[in-house]
Amino acid sequence: MAKIKWKNETTDLKKFIPSIKFQVSSFKKTMIKILFIGDIYGKPGRKVVSKLLPKLKAEENFDLVIANGENLAGGLGITPKTAKEMFDIGINVFTSGNHLWDKKEIIDFLTIENRILKPANYPPEAPGNDFYIFETYQKVKIGILNLMGRAFTVTIDCPFRTADEYLKKINKITNIVILDFHAEATAEKMALAWYLDGKVSAIVGTHTHVPTADERILPQGTAYITDVGMTGSHDSVIGLRIKDALERFITQIPVRFHPAKENLKFNGFVVTIDEKTGKANDIKRLSIPLINDETNIPIYRHPS
């Protein structure tokens, strides 16, 4: 596999995703391959995506690319400009969470851009699309749904009952459904996964920005991971500059947060799904650092 090169930056994808490189002949035509990108955090996260996603798409031939985009703009919220930038690079649909509305300029944009989802269990008055039906080049329809957890987060409608309500609508169109469950508590994520096993194709956890190593296909065919992690700086406090986070914890005084820039990584989750059954066939967790070609170390070094 050739290396990716942009000026002085390169990442050899073969080192990080050897097991998801399939020969075209080994795939049945009924298999759909989907990439889900973990929370893209600010400009550093957008940089990683802009460098790696085009090559990943060319190498892996994804049918659909989804990303959680609630932290696209400065680490808090999303703007029309940052959304358009990522759409142009190759993301098809954005999911989100509690930070979706942090940048007020997104409010009007959400009324005209239905590829940005809000958690469907927020009040109906909250701007944003509840779910989205994506159609592949092969005319296969895929439903994308976004829900928010309630444990340790916000007081909203029950995600379990909301899932039942929306699956009735989506299943009239397609049996392939990808769910982003944006939640804090591991137990709540796992409980929803068992509740929906066999009812959705994949449940991808987001929100904590810390990837988990528990990816699996549940007994009834639902792919699951508790948290896909974050795309951005990993020498940080969940994306924040370390000194900002420390100042906040030590002083308990509000601090202006800035996205960290060191040790950039692309975290994602690849799932292949049988078009006929809607069941997951294979899953892979991705963690790909952005590497400097000349020094062979992360392109940003932690300050000494």
Protein backbone atom coordinates (compact mmCIF):
# COMPACT_ATOMS: atom_id res chain seq x y z
CA MET A 1 0.00 0.00 0.00
CA ALA A 2 1.39 3.40 -0.92
CA LYS A 3 2.03 6.02 1.72
CA ILE A 4 -0.03 9.17 2.08
CA LYS A 5 1.99 12.34 1.50
CA TRP A 6 1.08 15.98 1.85
CA LYS A 7 4.15 18.21 1.83
CA ASN A 8 6.15 16.92 4.85
CA GLU A 9 3.38 14.82 6.35
CA THR A 10 2.71 11.16 5.75
CA THR A 11 1.02 8.22 7.36
CA ASP A 12 1.41 4.64 6.20
CA LEU A 13 -2.12 3.29 6.60
CA LYS A 14 -0.99 -0.29 6.19
CA LYS A 15 0.55 -0.20 9.66
CA PHE A 16 -2.72 0.74 11.26
CA ILE A 17 -5.47 -0.93 9.21
CA PRO A 18 -3.95 -4.12 7.75
CA SER A 19 -6.97 -6.21 8.66
CA ILE A 20 -9.56 -4.12 6.83
CA LYS A 21 -7.87 -4.24 3.45
CA PHE A 22 -10.11 -6.53 1.43
CA GLN A 23 -9.81 -7.68 -2.12
CA VAL A 24 -12.83 -6.61 -4.15
CA SER A 25 -13.39 -10.20 -5.21
CA SER A 26 -13.77 -11.29 -1.57
CA PHE A 27 -16.76 -9.02 -1.04
CA LYS A 28 -20.22 -10.11 -1.94
CA LYS A 29 -22.26 -7.45 -3.66
CA THR A 30 -24.64 -7.49 -0.72
CA MET A 31 -22.03 -6.11 1.71
CA ILE A 32 -22.10 -2.44 2.72
CA LYS A 33 -19.00 -0.88 4.28
CA ILE A 34 -19.43 2.11 6.59
CA LEU A 35 -16.86 4.31 8.33
CA PHE A 36 -17.79 6.17 11.52
CA ILE A 37 -15.29 8.85 12.62
CA GLY A 38 -15.00 9.65 16.34
CA ASP A 39 -15.75 13.16 17.62
CA ILE A 40 -13.77 15.59 15.44
CA TYR A 41 -12.28 18.09 17.87
CA GLY A 42 -11.65 21.59 16.56
CA LYS A 43 -9.15 22.62 13.90
CA PRO A 44 -6.61 19.92 14.84
CA GLY A 45 -9.29 17.25 14.36
CA ARG A 46 -10.37 18.74 11.05
CA LYS A 47 -6.73 18.69 9.96
CA VAL A 48 -6.42 14.97 10.66
CA VAL A 49 -9.60 14.25 8.70
CA SER A 50 -8.50 16.41 5.78
CA LYS A 51 -5.18 14.56 5.58
CA LEU A 52 -6.35 10.97 6.07
CA LEU A 53 -9.96 10.64 4.94
CA PRO A 54 -9.44 11.07 1.17
CA LYS A 55 -6.83 8.32 1.11
CA LEU A 56 -8.87 6.06 3.40
CA LYS A 57 -11.86 6.43 1.11
CA ALA A 58 -9.78 5.66 -1.97
CA GLU A 59 -8.23 2.58 -0.34
CA GLU A 60 -11.29 1.16 1.41
CA ASN A 61 -14.16 2.20 -0.88
CA PHE A 62 -16.62 3.07 1.89
CA ASP A 63 -20.28 3.26 0.95
CA LEU A 64 -20.99 5.81 3.68
CA VAL A 65 -18.91 8.04 5.97
CA ILE A 66 -20.48 9.31 9.20
CA ALA A 67 -18.79 11.51 11.81
CA ASN A 68 -19.76 13.04 15.11
CA GLY A 69 -19.33 16.76 14.49
CA GLU A 70 -20.53 18.51 17.63
CA ASN A 71 -16.98 19.69 18.45
CA LEU A 72 -15.92 20.77 14.95
CA ALA A 73 -15.63 24.50 15.68
CA GLY A 74 -13.07 25.29 18.38
CA GLY A 75 -13.95 22.14 20.30
CA LEU A 76 -17.46 23.35 21.16
CA GLY A 77 -20.21 23.35 18.58
CA ILE A 78 -20.34 23.38 14.82
CA THR A 79 -20.61 26.20 12.29
CA PRO A 80 -21.85 26.26 8.69
CA LYS A 81 -18.26 26.90 7.54
CA THR A 82 -16.73 23.94 9.40
CA ALA A 83 -19.58 21.64 8.37
CA LYS A 84 -19.21 22.56 4.70
CA GLU A 85 -15.44 22.08 4.91
CA MET A 86 -15.89 18.50 6.14
CA PHE A 87 -18.71 17.71 3.71
CA ASP A 88 -16.41 18.78 0.86
CA ILE A 89 -13.67 16.43 2.11
CA GLY A 90 -15.98 13.43 2.03
CA ILE A 91 -18.11 13.12 5.16
CA ASN A 92 -21.69 12.28 4.19
CA VAL A 93 -23.59 12.73 7.46
CA PHE A 94 -22.91 14.34 10.84
CA THR A 95 -24.26 13.12 14.15
CA SER A 96 -23.95 15.28 17.25
CA GLY A 97 -24.82 15.65 20.92
CA ASN A 98 -25.29 18.24 23.63
CA HIS A 99 -22.83 20.73 22.07
CA LEU A 100 -24.58 20.92 18.70
CA TRP A 101 -26.11 24.35 19.38
CA ASP A 102 -23.13 26.00 21.14
CA LYS A 103 -22.39 28.18 18.10
CA LYS A 104 -25.52 30.20 17.43
CA GLU A 105 -24.75 30.64 13.73
CA ILE A 106 -25.61 26.98 13.23
CA ILE A 107 -29.26 27.42 14.26
CA ASP A 108 -30.57 28.73 10.93
CA PHE A 109 -28.26 26.39 9.00
CA LEU A 110 -29.86 23.37 10.68
CA THR A 111 -33.21 24.28 9.12
CA ILE A 112 -31.79 23.82 5.60
CA GLU A 113 -29.08 21.17 6.08
CA ASN A 114 -30.67 17.83 6.92
CA ARG A 115 -27.36 15.93 6.91
CA ILE A 116 -26.60 17.25 10.41
CA LEU A 117 -28.51 15.26 13.02
CA LYS A 118 -29.52 16.24 16.52
CA PRO A 119 -30.17 13.59 19.16
CA ALA A 120 -33.74 12.55 18.41
CA ASN A 121 -34.73 12.45 22.09
CA TYR A 122 -34.22 16.21 22.47
CA PRO A 123 -37.41 18.31 22.46
CA PRO A 124 -38.99 18.62 18.99
CA GLU A 125 -38.53 22.40 19.19
CA ALA A 126 -34.73 22.01 19.20
CA PRO A 127 -33.39 22.72 15.68
CA GLY A 128 -31.95 19.81 13.75
CA ASN A 129 -32.93 16.75 11.79
CA ASP A 130 -34.10 13.70 13.79
CA PHE A 131 -32.81 11.04 11.40
CA TYR A 132 -31.44 10.74 7.88
CA ILE A 133 -31.80 8.21 5.07
CA PHE A 134 -28.64 7.96 2.99
CA GLU A 135 -28.69 6.28 -0.42
CA THR A 136 -25.51 4.67 -1.74
CA TYR A 137 -24.40 4.66 -5.36
CA GLN A 138 -25.91 1.17 -5.54
CA LYS A 139 -29.27 2.64 -4.39
CA VAL A 140 -29.05 0.95 -0.98
CA LYS A 141 -30.80 2.98 1.72
CA ILE A 142 -29.15 3.36 5.12
CA GLY A 143 -30.84 4.96 8.13
CA ILE A 144 -28.80 7.07 10.54
CA LEU A 145 -30.20 7.85 13.99
CA ASN A 146 -28.69 9.88 16.84
CA LEU A 147 -29.66 9.58 20.53
CA MET A 148 -28.41 11.20 23.73
CA GLY A 149 -27.93 9.42 27.04
CA ARG A 150 -29.48 10.72 30.26
CA ALA A 151 -27.12 9.39 32.96
CA PHE A 152 -24.88 12.25 34.19
CA THR A 153 -25.84 14.44 31.23
CA VAL A 154 -29.13 16.20 30.46
CA THR A 155 -32.80 15.73 31.27
CA ILE A 156 -34.45 14.66 28.02
CA ASP A 157 -36.74 11.93 26.73
CA CYS A 158 -35.97 8.26 27.27
CA PRO A 159 -33.50 7.02 24.62
CA PHE A 160 -34.93 3.49 24.80
CA ARG A 161 -38.49 4.53 24.02
CA THR A 162 -37.30 7.10 21.48
CA ALA A 163 -35.33 4.40 19.67
CA ASP A 164 -38.45 2.23 19.42
CA GLU A 165 -40.46 5.16 18.07
CA TYR A 166 -37.98 6.09 15.35
CA LEU A 167 -37.13 2.54 14.30
CA LYS A 168 -40.78 2.07 13.39
CA LYS A 169 -40.39 4.95 10.92
CA ILE A 170 -36.94 4.03 9.61
CA ASN A 171 -37.70 0.32 9.17
CA LYS A 172 -40.46 1.20 6.73
CA ILE A 173 -37.65 2.45 4.47
CA THR A 174 -34.64 0.25 5.27
CA ASN A 175 -33.41 -2.51 7.56
CA ILE A 176 -29.89 -1.03 7.75
CA VAL A 177 -29.64 1.39 10.68
CA ILE A 178 -26.58 3.04 12.26
CA LEU A 179 -27.10 4.58 15.71
CA ASP A 180 -24.80 7.09 17.39
CA PHE A 181 -25.48 6.94 21.13
CA HIS A 182 -23.93 10.06 22.62
CA ALA A 183 -23.74 9.21 26.30
CA GLU A 184 -21.55 9.48 29.39
CA ALA A 185 -22.27 6.25 31.24
CA THR A 186 -20.84 2.99 29.96
CA ALA A 187 -23.68 1.06 31.58
CA GLU A 188 -26.32 3.10 29.77
CA LYS A 189 -24.58 2.52 26.44
CA MET A 190 -24.31 -1.22 27.01
CA ALA A 191 -27.91 -1.47 28.18
CA LEU A 192 -29.19 0.23 25.02
CA ALA A 193 -27.00 -2.07 22.92
CA TRP A 194 -28.56 -5.18 24.46
CA TYR A 195 -32.02 -3.65 24.18
CA LEU A 196 -31.54 -2.97 20.45
CA ASP A 197 -29.53 -6.07 19.55
CA GLY A 198 -30.92 -7.35 16.25
CA LYS A 199 -33.00 -4.18 15.75
CA VAL A 200 -30.18 -1.97 14.41
CA SER A 201 -27.07 -2.75 12.39
CA ALA A 202 -24.59 -0.91 14.59
CA ILE A 203 -24.47 1.15 17.77
CA VAL A 204 -21.48 3.47 18.03
CA GLY A 205 -20.90 5.20 21.36
CA THR A 206 -19.59 8.78 21.44
CA HIS A 207 -19.17 11.66 23.92
CA THR A 208 -16.33 10.63 26.28
CA HIS A 209 -13.60 11.11 23.62
CA VAL A 210 -11.81 8.03 25.00
CA PRO A 211 -11.84 4.94 22.71
CA THR A 212 -12.79 1.62 24.23
CA ALA A 213 -11.49 -1.81 23.23
CA ASP A 214 -14.80 -3.67 23.50
CA GLU A 215 -15.91 -3.74 19.87
CA ARG A 216 -17.98 -6.82 19.12
CA ILE A 217 -20.95 -8.16 17.20
CA LEU A 218 -23.77 -9.02 19.59
CA PRO A 219 -25.64 -12.34 19.32
CA GLN A 220 -28.48 -10.98 17.16
CA GLY A 221 -26.16 -9.22 14.69
CA THR A 222 -25.70 -5.68 16.02
CA ALA A 223 -22.16 -4.27 15.91
CA TYR A 224 -21.24 -2.38 19.06
CA ILE A 225 -18.49 -0.26 20.62
CA THR A 226 -18.91 1.69 23.85
CA ASP A 227 -16.94 4.69 22.59
CA VAL A 228 -15.21 5.20 19.25
CA GLY A 229 -12.99 7.92 20.71
CA MET A 230 -11.90 11.29 19.39
CA THR A 231 -10.19 12.58 16.27
CA GLY A 232 -7.77 15.30 17.33
CA SER A 233 -5.00 15.80 19.87
CA HIS A 234 -4.24 12.89 22.18
CA ASP A 235 -1.71 14.81 24.28
CA SER A 236 -4.63 16.67 25.78
CA VAL A 237 -7.50 16.39 28.23
CA ILE A 238 -10.22 14.98 25.94
CA GLY A 239 -9.11 17.44 23.26
CA LEU A 240 -8.46 20.45 25.49
CA ARG A 241 -5.07 22.05 25.97
CA ILE A 242 -3.61 20.45 29.10
CA LYS A 243 -2.75 23.68 30.91
CA ASP A 244 -6.31 25.00 30.43
CA ALA A 245 -7.84 21.85 31.90
CA LEU A 246 -5.43 21.80 34.84
CA GLU A 247 -6.12 25.43 35.65
CA ARG A 248 -9.85 24.75 35.68
CA PHE A 249 -9.58 21.69 37.92
CA ILE A 250 -7.10 23.26 40.35
CA THR A 251 -8.66 26.72 40.69
CA GLN A 252 -12.32 25.88 39.95
CA ILE A 253 -12.44 29.21 38.09
CA PRO A 254 -13.89 29.35 34.54
CA VAL A 255 -11.12 29.17 31.96
CA ARG A 256 -11.17 29.82 28.23
CA PHE A 257 -10.51 26.44 26.61
CA HIS A 258 -8.37 25.93 23.50
CA PRO A 259 -8.01 22.76 21.42
CA ALA A 260 -4.66 21.02 21.94
CA LYS A 261 -2.45 20.47 18.89
CA GLU A 262 -0.09 17.66 19.94
CA ASN A 263 -0.09 13.99 18.92
CA LEU A 264 -2.93 14.02 16.42
CA LYS A 265 -4.85 10.81 15.82
CA PHE A 266 -7.76 9.65 13.69
CA ASN A 267 -10.10 7.35 15.63
CA GLY A 268 -12.87 5.50 13.84
CA PHE A 269 -14.93 2.36 13.49
CA VAL A 270 -15.53 0.35 10.32
CA VAL A 271 -18.50 -1.98 10.03
CA THR A 272 -19.57 -4.15 7.11
CA ILE A 273 -23.26 -5.01 6.93
CA ASP A 274 -25.25 -7.52 4.95
CA GLU A 275 -27.63 -5.54 2.78
CA LYS A 276 -30.27 -8.28 2.81
CA THR A 277 -30.41 -8.92 6.56
CA GLY A 278 -29.20 -5.61 7.97
CA LYS A 279 -26.88 -7.57 10.29
CA ALA A 280 -23.23 -6.70 10.92
CA ASN A 281 -20.74 -9.02 9.25
CA ASP A 282 -17.40 -7.54 10.37
CA ILE A 283 -16.09 -4.71 12.56
CA LYS A 284 -12.73 -2.96 12.93
CA ARG A 285 -11.58 -0.21 15.29
CA LEU A 286 -9.18 2.36 13.81
CA SER A 287 -6.57 4.50 15.57
CA ILE A 288 -4.27 6.18 13.06
CA PRO A 289 -1.67 8.80 14.08
CA LEU A 290 -0.64 11.55 11.69
CA ILE A 291 3.09 11.13 11.15
CA ASN A 292 5.85 13.52 10.07
CA ASP A 293 7.69 12.03 7.11
CA GLU A 294 11.08 13.53 7.95
CA THR A 295 11.25 12.78 11.70
CA ASN A 296 8.94 9.76 11.94
CA ILE A 297 7.32 11.21 15.06
CA PRO A 298 3.89 12.83 15.55
CA ILE A 299 3.70 16.05 13.58
CA TYR A 300 3.17 18.04 16.77
CA ARG A 301 5.55 17.41 19.65
CA HIS A 302 4.55 17.86 23.29
CA PRO A 303 6.20 21.00 24.69
CA SER A 304 9.30 20.14 26.72
